[in-house]
Amino acid sequence: MEHDNHTLLVHISDERGGGWTTVAIDRATRACAVAQRDTQLDAATSACRALYSS
């Protein structure tokens, strides 16, 4: 798990090898987004973009 003043990130690795799932949660509103990618960084980036894109 990672966090800052605005966002919580929960990283879950694939049990069978490669791949990551990241749940991004906005701390103020509790809105969330989920992304699955091959790397942890790509999953986190995609989840944050999905959460804050509007």
C-alpha atoms as a PDB file:
ATOM      1  CA  MET A   1       0.000   0.000   0.000  1.00  0.00           C
ATOM      2  CA  GLU A   2       1.100   3.571  -0.714  1.00  0.00           C
ATOM      3  CA  HIS A   3      -0.503   6.863   0.221  1.00  0.00           C
ATOM      4  CA  ASP A   4      -0.150  10.607   0.152  1.00  0.00           C
ATOM      5  CA  ASN A   5      -2.487  13.403   1.249  1.00  0.00           C
ATOM      6  CA  HIS A   6      -4.882  12.726  -1.644  1.00  0.00           C
ATOM      7  CA  THR A   7      -4.733   9.092  -2.717  1.00  0.00           C
ATOM      8  CA  LEU A   8      -4.439   5.559  -1.337  1.00  0.00           C
ATOM      9  CA  LEU A   9      -2.977   2.915  -3.674  1.00  0.00           C
ATOM     10  CA  VAL A  10      -3.406  -0.784  -2.931  1.00  0.00           C
ATOM     11  CA  HIS A  11      -1.171  -3.052  -5.062  1.00  0.00           C
ATOM     12  CA  ILE A  12      -2.007  -6.730  -5.535  1.00  0.00           C
ATOM     13  CA  SER A  13       0.389  -9.004  -7.410  1.00  0.00           C
ATOM     14  CA  ASP A  14      -0.730 -11.878  -9.600  1.00  0.00           C
ATOM     15  CA  GLU A  15      -0.320 -15.140  -7.657  1.00  0.00           C
ATOM     16  CA  ARG A  16       0.839 -16.943 -10.799  1.00  0.00           C
ATOM     17  CA  GLY A  17       3.677 -14.649 -11.845  1.00  0.00           C
ATOM     18  CA  GLY A  18       3.528 -11.396 -13.790  1.00  0.00           C
ATOM     19  CA  GLY A  19       0.817  -8.833 -13.564  1.00  0.00           C
ATOM     20  CA  TRP A  20      -0.507  -6.347 -11.046  1.00  0.00           C
ATOM     21  CA  THR A  21      -3.868  -4.990  -9.952  1.00  0.00           C
ATOM     22  CA  THR A  22      -3.974  -1.555  -8.330  1.00  0.00           C
ATOM     23  CA  VAL A  23      -6.923   0.016  -6.548  1.00  0.00           C
ATOM     24  CA  ALA A  24      -6.686   3.817  -6.326  1.00  0.00           C
ATOM     25  CA  ILE A  25      -8.911   5.508  -3.732  1.00  0.00           C
ATOM     26  CA  ASP A  26      -9.461   9.246  -3.386  1.00  0.00           C
ATOM     27  CA  ARG A  27      -9.131  10.014   0.319  1.00  0.00           C
ATOM     28  CA  ALA A  28     -11.618  12.909   0.358  1.00  0.00           C
ATOM     29  CA  THR A  29     -14.479  11.343  -1.587  1.00  0.00           C
ATOM     30  CA  ARG A  30     -13.716   7.596  -1.308  1.00  0.00           C
ATOM     31  CA  ALA A  31     -14.197   7.307  -5.083  1.00  0.00           C
ATOM     32  CA  CYS A  32     -12.100   4.488  -6.515  1.00  0.00           C
ATOM     33  CA  ALA A  33     -10.721   3.035  -9.736  1.00  0.00           C
ATOM     34  CA  VAL A  34      -9.085  -0.294 -10.524  1.00  0.00           C
ATOM     35  CA  ALA A  35      -6.493  -1.133 -13.184  1.00  0.00           C
ATOM     36  CA  GLN A  36      -4.692  -4.323 -14.180  1.00  0.00           C
ATOM     37  CA  ARG A  37      -1.369  -4.126 -16.030  1.00  0.00           C
ATOM     38  CA  ASP A  38       1.865  -6.071 -16.477  1.00  0.00           C
ATOM     39  CA  THR A  39       3.881  -3.849 -14.128  1.00  0.00           C
ATOM     40  CA  GLN A  40       3.061  -2.265 -10.782  1.00  0.00           C
ATOM     41  CA  LEU A  41       3.923   1.208 -12.078  1.00  0.00           C
ATOM     42  CA  ASP A  42       1.685   0.844 -15.130  1.00  0.00           C
ATOM     43  CA  ALA A  43      -1.203  -0.406 -12.984  1.00  0.00           C
ATOM     44  CA  ALA A  44      -0.813   2.482 -10.524  1.00  0.00           C
ATOM     45  CA  THR A  45      -0.552   5.062 -13.293  1.00  0.00           C
ATOM     46  CA  SER A  46      -3.632   3.722 -15.081  1.00  0.00           C
ATOM     47  CA  ALA A  47      -5.704   3.528 -11.887  1.00  0.00           C
ATOM     48  CA  CYS A  48      -4.813   7.116 -10.927  1.00  0.00           C
ATOM     49  CA  ARG A  49      -5.576   8.402 -14.416  1.00  0.00           C
ATOM     50  CA  ALA A  50      -8.951   6.673 -14.334  1.00  0.00           C
ATOM     51  CA  LEU A  51      -9.712   8.024 -10.856  1.00  0.00           C
ATOM     52  CA  TYR A  52      -8.838  11.638 -11.588  1.00  0.00           C
ATOM     53  CA  SER A  53      -9.787  11.965 -15.254  1.00  0.00           C
ATOM     54  CA  SER A  54     -12.729  14.308 -15.628  1.00  0.00           C
END
